[in-house]
């Protein structure tokens, strides 16, 4: 059930954690009828295959959420995963996908920027990138491991509450441009 906790089984059924077993059963029955393999025999093979995958996913969700004990256990595992997160992260952005701004008009720092869907933006300074890269390289040397080749930081939007995880390779080439 550990793997199931990572997947939102309520979303698979189009339901919410507050729904009753009867409501979950109703959603399960609708989806099972819609995606049942016998119903889609005449369809093209790729559609039938994707429907079978969806049917199996729906069936797995129902098996866990229909039983009071497994549902409680699933809910506890989901909650534990939520509590483990240091920060709610919307997505991962690679430093290479951000825009480099060598003209530091607003502040003394040169920054990488990335647009948020709200119209605001995420920014991380070259100095932050260098410090985090150096810190991670030192950690790797001390531990004598090279397991993590990527490093990153969580960056908040300057307008809304979204945040992204900005990551880059530890072996990346540093920017040749310096702030004036």
N, C-alpha and C. Protein backbone atom coordinates (compact mmCIF):
# COMPACT_ATOMS: atom_id res chain seq x y z
N UNK A 1 0.82 -1.20 0.00
CA UNK A 1 0.00 0.00 0.00
C UNK A 1 0.86 1.25 0.00
N UNK A 2 2.17 1.11 0.24
CA UNK A 2 3.07 2.26 0.27
C UNK A 2 3.06 3.00 -1.07
N UNK A 3 3.08 2.22 -2.17
CA UNK A 3 3.05 2.84 -3.49
C UNK A 3 1.72 3.54 -3.71
N UNK A 4 0.65 2.96 -3.21
CA UNK A 4 -0.68 3.54 -3.38
C UNK A 4 -0.79 4.87 -2.66
N UNK A 5 -0.07 5.03 -1.55
CA UNK A 5 -0.15 6.28 -0.79
C UNK A 5 0.41 7.44 -1.60
N UNK A 6 1.34 7.15 -2.51
CA UNK A 6 1.91 8.22 -3.33
C UNK A 6 0.94 8.67 -4.41
N UNK A 7 0.00 7.80 -4.79
CA UNK A 7 -1.01 8.14 -5.79
C UNK A 7 -2.27 8.56 -5.05
N UNK A 8 -2.94 9.58 -5.53
CA UNK A 8 -4.17 10.03 -4.89
C UNK A 8 -5.33 9.16 -5.37
N UNK A 9 -5.67 8.17 -4.57
CA UNK A 9 -6.73 7.24 -4.95
C UNK A 9 -8.10 7.90 -5.01
N UNK A 10 -8.29 8.94 -4.22
CA UNK A 10 -9.56 9.67 -4.27
C UNK A 10 -9.71 10.35 -5.63
N UNK A 11 -8.61 10.91 -6.13
CA UNK A 11 -8.64 11.56 -7.45
C UNK A 11 -8.89 10.53 -8.55
N UNK A 12 -8.36 9.34 -8.40
CA UNK A 12 -8.59 8.27 -9.38
C UNK A 12 -10.08 8.00 -9.52
N UNK A 13 -10.79 8.04 -8.39
CA UNK A 13 -12.24 7.80 -8.42
C UNK A 13 -13.04 9.08 -8.66
N UNK A 14 -12.36 10.21 -8.75
CA UNK A 14 -13.08 11.47 -8.92
C UNK A 14 -13.85 11.84 -7.66
N UNK A 15 -13.28 11.51 -6.51
CA UNK A 15 -13.95 11.71 -5.23
C UNK A 15 -13.06 12.52 -4.30
N UNK A 16 -13.53 12.71 -3.08
CA UNK A 16 -12.72 13.42 -2.08
C UNK A 16 -12.66 12.59 -0.81
N UNK A 17 -11.68 12.85 0.06
CA UNK A 17 -11.55 12.08 1.30
C UNK A 17 -12.78 12.16 2.21
N UNK A 18 -13.59 13.18 2.06
CA UNK A 18 -14.77 13.31 2.91
C UNK A 18 -15.97 12.52 2.39
N UNK A 19 -15.86 11.92 1.20
CA UNK A 19 -16.97 11.15 0.63
C UNK A 19 -17.22 9.88 1.43
N UNK A 20 -18.49 9.49 1.49
CA UNK A 20 -18.86 8.26 2.19
C UNK A 20 -18.53 7.06 1.31
N UNK A 21 -18.60 5.87 1.90
CA UNK A 21 -18.35 4.64 1.15
C UNK A 21 -19.37 4.50 0.02
N UNK A 22 -20.62 4.89 0.28
CA UNK A 22 -21.66 4.81 -0.75
C UNK A 22 -21.33 5.72 -1.94
N UNK A 23 -20.84 6.93 -1.64
CA UNK A 23 -20.46 7.84 -2.72
C UNK A 23 -19.27 7.29 -3.50
N UNK A 24 -18.31 6.70 -2.80
CA UNK A 24 -17.16 6.09 -3.47
C UNK A 24 -17.61 4.91 -4.33
N UNK A 25 -18.53 4.10 -3.82
CA UNK A 25 -19.04 2.95 -4.57
C UNK A 25 -19.71 3.42 -5.87
N UNK A 26 -20.50 4.48 -5.76
CA UNK A 26 -21.18 5.03 -6.94
C UNK A 26 -20.17 5.47 -7.99
N UNK A 27 -19.14 6.19 -7.57
CA UNK A 27 -18.10 6.64 -8.51
C UNK A 27 -17.36 5.45 -9.12
N UNK A 28 -17.05 4.46 -8.28
CA UNK A 28 -16.37 3.26 -8.76
C UNK A 28 -17.21 2.54 -9.82
N UNK A 29 -18.49 2.37 -9.54
CA UNK A 29 -19.36 1.66 -10.48
C UNK A 29 -19.44 2.40 -11.82
N UNK A 30 -19.55 3.71 -11.78
CA UNK A 30 -19.60 4.50 -13.02
C UNK A 30 -18.32 4.31 -13.84
N UNK A 31 -17.18 4.43 -13.16
CA UNK A 31 -15.89 4.32 -13.86
C UNK A 31 -15.62 2.89 -14.32
N UNK A 32 -16.01 1.91 -13.51
CA UNK A 32 -15.81 0.51 -13.90
C UNK A 32 -16.61 0.18 -15.16
N UNK A 33 -17.83 0.67 -15.24
CA UNK A 33 -18.63 0.46 -16.45
C UNK A 33 -18.03 1.17 -17.65
N UNK A 34 -17.53 2.36 -17.43
CA UNK A 34 -16.96 3.16 -18.51
C UNK A 34 -15.69 2.53 -19.08
N UNK A 35 -14.84 1.98 -18.23
CA UNK A 35 -13.53 1.50 -18.68
C UNK A 35 -13.40 -0.02 -18.71
N UNK A 36 -14.47 -0.75 -18.45
CA UNK A 36 -14.38 -2.21 -18.40
C UNK A 36 -13.90 -2.76 -19.75
N UNK A 37 -12.94 -3.69 -19.73
CA UNK A 37 -12.37 -4.23 -20.98
C UNK A 37 -13.40 -4.89 -21.90
N UNK A 38 -14.41 -5.54 -21.36
CA UNK A 38 -15.44 -6.17 -22.19
C UNK A 38 -16.23 -5.15 -22.99
N UNK A 39 -16.39 -3.98 -22.44
CA UNK A 39 -17.16 -2.92 -23.09
C UNK A 39 -16.41 -2.31 -24.29
N UNK A 40 -15.09 -2.39 -24.26
CA UNK A 40 -14.28 -1.74 -25.29
C UNK A 40 -13.59 -2.73 -26.23
N UNK A 41 -14.19 -3.90 -26.44
CA UNK A 41 -13.58 -4.92 -27.31
C UNK A 41 -13.42 -4.44 -28.75
N UNK A 42 -14.36 -3.71 -29.26
CA UNK A 42 -14.33 -3.29 -30.66
C UNK A 42 -13.44 -2.08 -30.92
N UNK A 43 -12.95 -1.45 -29.89
CA UNK A 43 -12.12 -0.25 -30.05
C UNK A 43 -10.73 -0.62 -30.57
N UNK A 44 -9.99 0.39 -31.00
CA UNK A 44 -8.63 0.14 -31.47
C UNK A 44 -7.77 -0.34 -30.30
N UNK A 45 -6.73 -1.10 -30.56
CA UNK A 45 -5.92 -1.70 -29.49
C UNK A 45 -5.33 -0.70 -28.50
N UNK A 46 -4.89 0.46 -28.96
CA UNK A 46 -4.28 1.43 -28.05
C UNK A 46 -5.32 2.01 -27.08
N UNK A 47 -6.54 2.27 -27.58
CA UNK A 47 -7.61 2.77 -26.72
C UNK A 47 -8.03 1.71 -25.71
N UNK A 48 -8.13 0.46 -26.16
CA UNK A 48 -8.50 -0.63 -25.28
C UNK A 48 -7.44 -0.84 -24.19
N UNK A 49 -6.18 -0.70 -24.57
CA UNK A 49 -5.09 -0.86 -23.60
C UNK A 49 -5.11 0.25 -22.55
N UNK A 50 -5.31 1.48 -22.97
CA UNK A 50 -5.36 2.59 -22.00
C UNK A 50 -6.59 2.47 -21.11
N UNK A 51 -7.71 1.98 -21.67
CA UNK A 51 -8.91 1.78 -20.87
C UNK A 51 -8.69 0.67 -19.84
N UNK A 52 -7.98 -0.37 -20.22
CA UNK A 52 -7.67 -1.46 -19.29
C UNK A 52 -6.81 -0.95 -18.14
N UNK A 53 -5.81 -0.13 -18.45
CA UNK A 53 -4.96 0.46 -17.40
C UNK A 53 -5.80 1.31 -16.45
N UNK A 54 -6.68 2.11 -17.01
CA UNK A 54 -7.54 2.96 -16.20
C UNK A 54 -8.48 2.10 -15.33
N UNK A 55 -9.03 1.04 -15.92
CA UNK A 55 -9.90 0.14 -15.18
C UNK A 55 -9.16 -0.48 -13.99
N UNK A 56 -7.94 -0.94 -14.22
CA UNK A 56 -7.15 -1.56 -13.15
C UNK A 56 -6.81 -0.54 -12.05
N UNK A 57 -6.55 0.68 -12.46
CA UNK A 57 -6.26 1.75 -11.50
C UNK A 57 -7.49 2.05 -10.64
N UNK A 58 -8.65 2.14 -11.28
CA UNK A 58 -9.91 2.39 -10.58
C UNK A 58 -10.22 1.23 -9.63
N UNK A 59 -10.00 0.00 -10.10
CA UNK A 59 -10.26 -1.18 -9.28
C UNK A 59 -9.35 -1.21 -8.05
N UNK A 60 -8.08 -0.87 -8.24
CA UNK A 60 -7.14 -0.83 -7.11
C UNK A 60 -7.57 0.22 -6.08
N UNK A 61 -7.96 1.39 -6.58
CA UNK A 61 -8.41 2.46 -5.67
C UNK A 61 -9.63 2.00 -4.87
N UNK A 62 -10.57 1.37 -5.54
CA UNK A 62 -11.78 0.92 -4.86
C UNK A 62 -11.47 -0.14 -3.81
N UNK A 63 -10.58 -1.07 -4.13
CA UNK A 63 -10.24 -2.13 -3.17
C UNK A 63 -9.67 -1.54 -1.88
N UNK A 64 -8.88 -0.51 -1.99
CA UNK A 64 -8.27 0.10 -0.80
C UNK A 64 -9.27 0.98 -0.06
N UNK A 65 -10.02 1.80 -0.80
CA UNK A 65 -10.91 2.77 -0.17
C UNK A 65 -12.25 2.19 0.29
N UNK A 66 -12.61 1.01 -0.19
CA UNK A 66 -13.89 0.44 0.21
C UNK A 66 -13.84 -0.21 1.59
N UNK A 67 -12.69 -0.64 2.02
CA UNK A 67 -12.54 -1.27 3.33
C UNK A 67 -12.14 -0.21 4.36
N UNK A 68 -12.84 -0.19 5.48
CA UNK A 68 -12.61 0.85 6.49
C UNK A 68 -11.17 0.83 7.02
N UNK A 69 -10.62 -0.35 7.26
CA UNK A 69 -9.26 -0.44 7.81
C UNK A 69 -8.19 -0.02 6.81
N UNK A 70 -8.30 -0.51 5.56
CA UNK A 70 -7.29 -0.13 4.57
C UNK A 70 -7.42 1.35 4.19
N UNK A 71 -8.64 1.87 4.22
CA UNK A 71 -8.84 3.29 3.93
C UNK A 71 -8.19 4.14 5.02
N UNK A 72 -8.39 3.77 6.26
CA UNK A 72 -7.79 4.51 7.37
C UNK A 72 -6.26 4.47 7.27
N UNK A 73 -5.74 3.28 6.97
CA UNK A 73 -4.29 3.13 6.82
C UNK A 73 -3.77 3.98 5.65
N UNK A 74 -4.49 3.96 4.53
CA UNK A 74 -4.11 4.78 3.37
C UNK A 74 -4.13 6.26 3.73
N UNK A 75 -5.18 6.71 4.40
CA UNK A 75 -5.29 8.12 4.79
C UNK A 75 -4.13 8.53 5.70
N UNK A 76 -3.75 7.66 6.63
CA UNK A 76 -2.63 7.95 7.53
C UNK A 76 -1.31 8.04 6.76
N UNK A 77 -1.12 7.15 5.79
CA UNK A 77 0.10 7.19 4.99
C UNK A 77 0.16 8.46 4.14
N UNK A 78 -0.98 8.85 3.57
CA UNK A 78 -1.03 10.10 2.77
C UNK A 78 -0.69 11.29 3.65
N UNK A 79 -1.24 11.31 4.83
CA UNK A 79 -0.98 12.42 5.76
C UNK A 79 0.49 12.46 6.15
N UNK A 80 1.08 11.30 6.40
CA UNK A 80 2.50 11.24 6.75
C UNK A 80 3.37 11.76 5.61
N UNK A 81 3.01 11.42 4.38
CA UNK A 81 3.77 11.94 3.23
C UNK A 81 3.65 13.46 3.13
N UNK A 82 2.45 13.98 3.36
CA UNK A 82 2.24 15.43 3.32
C UNK A 82 3.07 16.13 4.38
N UNK A 83 3.15 15.54 5.56
CA UNK A 83 3.90 16.16 6.66
C UNK A 83 5.41 16.10 6.44
N UNK A 84 5.87 15.13 5.64
CA UNK A 84 7.30 15.01 5.37
C UNK A 84 7.81 16.13 4.47
N UNK A 85 6.95 16.68 3.63
CA UNK A 85 7.38 17.73 2.71
C UNK A 85 7.79 18.96 3.50
N UNK A 86 8.97 19.48 3.15
CA UNK A 86 9.46 20.69 3.80
C UNK A 86 8.65 21.90 3.36
N UNK A 87 8.21 21.89 2.13
CA UNK A 87 7.55 23.04 1.54
C UNK A 87 6.66 22.55 0.41
N UNK A 88 5.47 23.08 0.26
CA UNK A 88 4.64 22.62 -0.86
C UNK A 88 5.20 23.14 -2.18
N UNK A 89 5.67 22.25 -3.00
CA UNK A 89 6.32 22.62 -4.26
C UNK A 89 5.38 22.31 -5.42
N UNK A 90 5.15 23.33 -6.27
CA UNK A 90 4.25 23.19 -7.40
C UNK A 90 4.87 22.36 -8.52
N UNK A 91 6.15 22.62 -8.82
CA UNK A 91 6.81 21.89 -9.90
C UNK A 91 8.33 22.04 -9.78
N UNK A 92 9.02 21.33 -10.65
CA UNK A 92 10.48 21.44 -10.71
C UNK A 92 10.85 22.21 -11.96
N UNK A 93 11.76 23.16 -11.80
CA UNK A 93 12.24 23.98 -12.91
C UNK A 93 13.75 23.81 -12.98
N UNK A 94 14.27 23.58 -14.17
CA UNK A 94 15.70 23.47 -14.34
C UNK A 94 16.29 24.85 -14.58
N UNK A 95 17.43 25.08 -13.97
CA UNK A 95 18.09 26.37 -14.08
C UNK A 95 18.31 26.76 -15.54
N UNK A 96 18.59 25.77 -16.39
CA UNK A 96 18.79 26.03 -17.82
C UNK A 96 17.54 26.57 -18.49
N UNK A 97 16.36 26.29 -17.92
CA UNK A 97 15.11 26.77 -18.49
C UNK A 97 14.74 28.17 -18.01
N UNK A 98 15.50 28.67 -17.05
CA UNK A 98 15.23 30.02 -16.53
C UNK A 98 15.95 31.05 -17.40
N UNK A 99 15.50 32.29 -17.32
CA UNK A 99 16.10 33.37 -18.09
C UNK A 99 17.20 34.03 -17.26
N UNK A 100 18.38 34.15 -17.83
CA UNK A 100 19.50 34.79 -17.16
C UNK A 100 19.41 36.29 -17.39
N UNK A 101 19.46 37.06 -16.32
CA UNK A 101 19.37 38.52 -16.42
C UNK A 101 20.68 39.14 -15.96
N UNK A 102 21.63 39.36 -16.90
CA UNK A 102 22.92 39.92 -16.52
C UNK A 102 22.85 41.42 -16.21
N UNK A 103 21.78 42.09 -16.64
CA UNK A 103 21.62 43.51 -16.36
C UNK A 103 20.88 43.64 -15.04
N UNK A 104 21.59 43.98 -14.01
CA UNK A 104 21.03 44.00 -12.65
C UNK A 104 20.55 45.41 -12.32
N UNK A 105 19.43 45.81 -12.88
CA UNK A 105 18.92 47.15 -12.71
C UNK A 105 18.26 47.33 -11.34
N UNK A 106 17.42 46.37 -10.95
CA UNK A 106 16.64 46.49 -9.73
C UNK A 106 17.51 46.34 -8.49
N UNK A 107 18.42 45.40 -8.49
CA UNK A 107 19.26 45.17 -7.32
C UNK A 107 20.71 44.98 -7.76
N UNK A 108 21.56 44.73 -6.79
CA UNK A 108 22.97 44.53 -7.09
C UNK A 108 23.26 43.11 -7.55
N UNK A 109 22.27 42.22 -7.47
CA UNK A 109 22.48 40.83 -7.82
C UNK A 109 21.98 40.53 -9.23
N UNK A 110 22.73 39.70 -9.94
CA UNK A 110 22.26 39.17 -11.21
C UNK A 110 21.42 37.94 -10.88
N UNK A 111 20.32 37.74 -11.59
CA UNK A 111 19.40 36.68 -11.23
C UNK A 111 18.94 35.87 -12.43
N UNK A 112 18.51 34.66 -12.13
CA UNK A 112 17.79 33.82 -13.06
C UNK A 112 16.32 34.03 -12.74
N UNK A 113 15.48 34.16 -13.76
CA UNK A 113 14.06 34.39 -13.53
C UNK A 113 13.23 33.36 -14.30
N UNK A 114 12.03 33.12 -13.80
CA UNK A 114 11.11 32.19 -14.43
C UNK A 114 9.71 32.71 -14.14
N UNK A 115 8.85 32.75 -15.14
CA UNK A 115 7.50 33.30 -14.98
C UNK A 115 6.57 32.31 -14.29
N UNK A 116 5.77 32.84 -13.39
CA UNK A 116 4.76 32.04 -12.69
C UNK A 116 3.45 32.15 -13.48
N UNK A 117 2.59 31.17 -13.32
CA UNK A 117 1.31 31.19 -14.04
C UNK A 117 0.40 32.32 -13.57
N UNK A 118 0.67 32.90 -12.38
CA UNK A 118 -0.15 34.00 -11.88
C UNK A 118 0.25 35.34 -12.50
N UNK A 119 1.37 35.35 -13.22
CA UNK A 119 1.86 36.60 -13.79
C UNK A 119 3.07 37.13 -13.03
N UNK A 120 3.31 36.60 -11.85
CA UNK A 120 4.49 36.98 -11.07
C UNK A 120 5.70 36.22 -11.57
N UNK A 121 6.68 36.08 -10.70
CA UNK A 121 7.88 35.39 -11.14
C UNK A 121 8.68 34.78 -10.00
N UNK A 122 9.51 33.84 -10.36
CA UNK A 122 10.44 33.20 -9.44
C UNK A 122 11.83 33.70 -9.81
N UNK A 123 12.66 33.95 -8.83
CA UNK A 123 14.02 34.37 -9.15
C UNK A 123 15.00 33.78 -8.15
N UNK A 124 16.16 33.45 -8.65
CA UNK A 124 17.24 32.93 -7.83
C UNK A 124 18.53 33.60 -8.31
N UNK A 125 19.31 34.08 -7.35
CA UNK A 125 20.52 34.82 -7.72
C UNK A 125 21.65 33.87 -8.06
N UNK A 126 22.58 34.36 -8.86
CA UNK A 126 23.77 33.60 -9.21
C UNK A 126 24.55 33.25 -7.95
N UNK A 127 24.55 34.17 -6.99
CA UNK A 127 25.26 33.94 -5.73
C UNK A 127 24.65 32.76 -4.97
N UNK A 128 23.30 32.67 -4.92
CA UNK A 128 22.64 31.55 -4.27
C UNK A 128 22.99 30.23 -4.94
N UNK A 129 23.01 30.24 -6.27
CA UNK A 129 23.34 29.04 -7.03
C UNK A 129 24.76 28.59 -6.72
N UNK A 130 25.70 29.54 -6.73
CA UNK A 130 27.10 29.20 -6.46
C UNK A 130 27.28 28.70 -5.03
N UNK A 131 26.65 29.35 -4.06
CA UNK A 131 26.79 28.93 -2.66
C UNK A 131 26.23 27.52 -2.46
N UNK A 132 25.07 27.26 -3.02
CA UNK A 132 24.45 25.94 -2.87
C UNK A 132 25.27 24.87 -3.59
N UNK A 133 25.83 25.20 -4.75
CA UNK A 133 26.67 24.25 -5.49
C UNK A 133 27.93 23.92 -4.69
N UNK A 134 28.58 24.95 -4.16
CA UNK A 134 29.79 24.73 -3.37
C UNK A 134 29.48 23.93 -2.11
N UNK A 135 28.39 24.26 -1.45
CA UNK A 135 28.01 23.55 -0.23
C UNK A 135 27.78 22.07 -0.52
N UNK A 136 27.09 21.80 -1.62
CA UNK A 136 26.79 20.41 -1.97
C UNK A 136 28.05 19.65 -2.36
N UNK A 137 28.94 20.32 -3.08
CA UNK A 137 30.20 19.67 -3.46
C UNK A 137 31.03 19.33 -2.22
N UNK A 138 31.03 20.24 -1.23
CA UNK A 138 31.75 19.96 0.02
C UNK A 138 31.11 18.79 0.76
N UNK A 139 29.79 18.76 0.80
CA UNK A 139 29.09 17.65 1.44
C UNK A 139 29.44 16.33 0.78
N UNK A 140 29.50 16.32 -0.56
CA UNK A 140 29.84 15.11 -1.29
C UNK A 140 31.28 14.66 -0.98
N UNK A 141 32.20 15.63 -0.88
CA UNK A 141 33.59 15.29 -0.58
C UNK A 141 33.71 14.72 0.83
N UNK A 142 33.02 15.33 1.78
CA UNK A 142 33.09 14.87 3.17
C UNK A 142 32.49 13.47 3.31
N UNK A 143 31.40 13.23 2.61
CA UNK A 143 30.75 11.93 2.70
C UNK A 143 31.39 10.92 1.77
N UNK A 144 32.28 11.39 0.89
CA UNK A 144 32.95 10.56 -0.10
C UNK A 144 31.95 9.83 -0.99
N UNK A 145 30.88 10.55 -1.36
CA UNK A 145 29.88 9.98 -2.26
C UNK A 145 29.63 10.94 -3.40
N UNK A 146 29.18 10.38 -4.49
CA UNK A 146 28.82 11.20 -5.65
C UNK A 146 27.40 10.86 -6.09
N UNK A 147 26.57 10.46 -5.13
CA UNK A 147 25.21 10.03 -5.45
C UNK A 147 24.37 11.15 -6.06
N UNK A 148 24.48 12.35 -5.51
CA UNK A 148 23.65 13.45 -6.00
C UNK A 148 24.45 14.30 -6.97
N UNK A 149 24.08 14.25 -8.22
CA UNK A 149 24.75 15.07 -9.22
C UNK A 149 23.97 16.36 -9.46
N UNK A 150 22.77 16.45 -8.90
CA UNK A 150 21.95 17.64 -9.05
C UNK A 150 21.68 18.25 -7.69
N UNK A 151 21.52 19.53 -7.68
CA UNK A 151 21.22 20.25 -6.44
C UNK A 151 20.17 21.29 -6.77
N UNK A 152 19.49 21.79 -5.76
CA UNK A 152 18.48 22.79 -6.02
C UNK A 152 18.04 23.52 -4.78
N UNK A 153 17.16 24.48 -5.00
CA UNK A 153 16.59 25.28 -3.92
C UNK A 153 15.11 25.48 -4.21
N UNK A 154 14.34 25.69 -3.15
CA UNK A 154 12.92 26.02 -3.29
C UNK A 154 12.82 27.53 -3.39
N UNK A 155 12.10 28.00 -4.42
CA UNK A 155 11.95 29.44 -4.66
C UNK A 155 10.47 29.78 -4.69
N UNK A 156 10.08 30.80 -3.97
CA UNK A 156 8.69 31.24 -3.91
C UNK A 156 8.41 32.31 -4.96
N UNK A 157 7.18 32.33 -5.45
CA UNK A 157 6.74 33.35 -6.39
C UNK A 157 6.69 34.70 -5.67
N UNK A 158 7.03 35.77 -6.38
CA UNK A 158 7.01 37.08 -5.76
C UNK A 158 5.60 37.68 -5.68
N UNK A 159 4.59 36.98 -6.23
CA UNK A 159 3.23 37.48 -6.22
C UNK A 159 2.25 36.58 -5.49
N UNK A 160 2.31 35.28 -5.74
CA UNK A 160 1.34 34.36 -5.15
C UNK A 160 2.04 33.39 -4.19
N UNK A 161 1.33 32.36 -3.77
CA UNK A 161 1.87 31.42 -2.78
C UNK A 161 2.55 30.20 -3.40
N UNK A 162 2.64 30.13 -4.71
CA UNK A 162 3.27 28.98 -5.34
C UNK A 162 4.78 29.01 -5.12
N UNK A 163 5.37 27.81 -5.13
CA UNK A 163 6.82 27.71 -5.07
C UNK A 163 7.26 26.62 -6.03
N UNK A 164 8.49 26.71 -6.50
CA UNK A 164 9.06 25.73 -7.40
C UNK A 164 10.40 25.27 -6.85
N UNK A 165 10.79 24.08 -7.23
CA UNK A 165 12.10 23.56 -6.88
C UNK A 165 12.99 23.81 -8.08
N UNK A 166 13.98 24.68 -7.94
CA UNK A 166 14.92 24.98 -9.02
C UNK A 166 16.12 24.07 -8.83
N UNK A 167 16.45 23.32 -9.88
CA UNK A 167 17.55 22.37 -9.79
C UNK A 167 18.54 22.58 -10.92
N UNK A 168 19.76 22.13 -10.71
CA UNK A 168 20.82 22.22 -11.70
C UNK A 168 21.85 21.16 -11.41
N UNK A 169 22.70 20.91 -12.39
CA UNK A 169 23.76 19.93 -12.24
C UNK A 169 24.88 20.54 -11.41
N UNK A 170 25.49 19.75 -10.55
CA UNK A 170 26.63 20.24 -9.77
C UNK A 170 27.83 20.52 -10.67
N UNK A 171 27.83 19.92 -11.83
CA UNK A 171 28.98 20.07 -12.73
C UNK A 171 28.73 21.12 -13.81
N UNK A 172 27.74 21.96 -13.61
CA UNK A 172 27.40 22.95 -14.62
C UNK A 172 28.50 23.99 -14.75
N UNK A 173 28.56 24.59 -15.90
CA UNK A 173 29.53 25.67 -16.12
C UNK A 173 28.95 26.94 -15.54
N UNK A 174 29.75 27.67 -14.78
CA UNK A 174 29.27 28.91 -14.18
C UNK A 174 29.18 29.99 -15.24
N UNK A 175 28.31 30.93 -15.00
CA UNK A 175 28.14 32.05 -15.92
C UNK A 175 29.43 32.86 -15.99
N UNK A 176 29.78 33.24 -17.19
CA UNK A 176 30.99 34.04 -17.38
C UNK A 176 30.72 35.52 -17.10
N UNK A 177 29.44 35.89 -17.15
CA UNK A 177 29.10 37.28 -16.92
C UNK A 177 29.10 37.59 -15.43
N UNK A 178 29.65 38.66 -15.05
CA UNK A 178 29.67 39.09 -13.64
C UNK A 178 28.88 40.38 -13.52
N UNK A 179 28.29 40.57 -12.37
CA UNK A 179 27.56 41.80 -12.11
C UNK A 179 28.54 42.95 -11.94
N UNK A 180 28.13 44.07 -12.39
CA UNK A 180 29.02 45.24 -12.27
C UNK A 180 28.60 46.09 -11.11
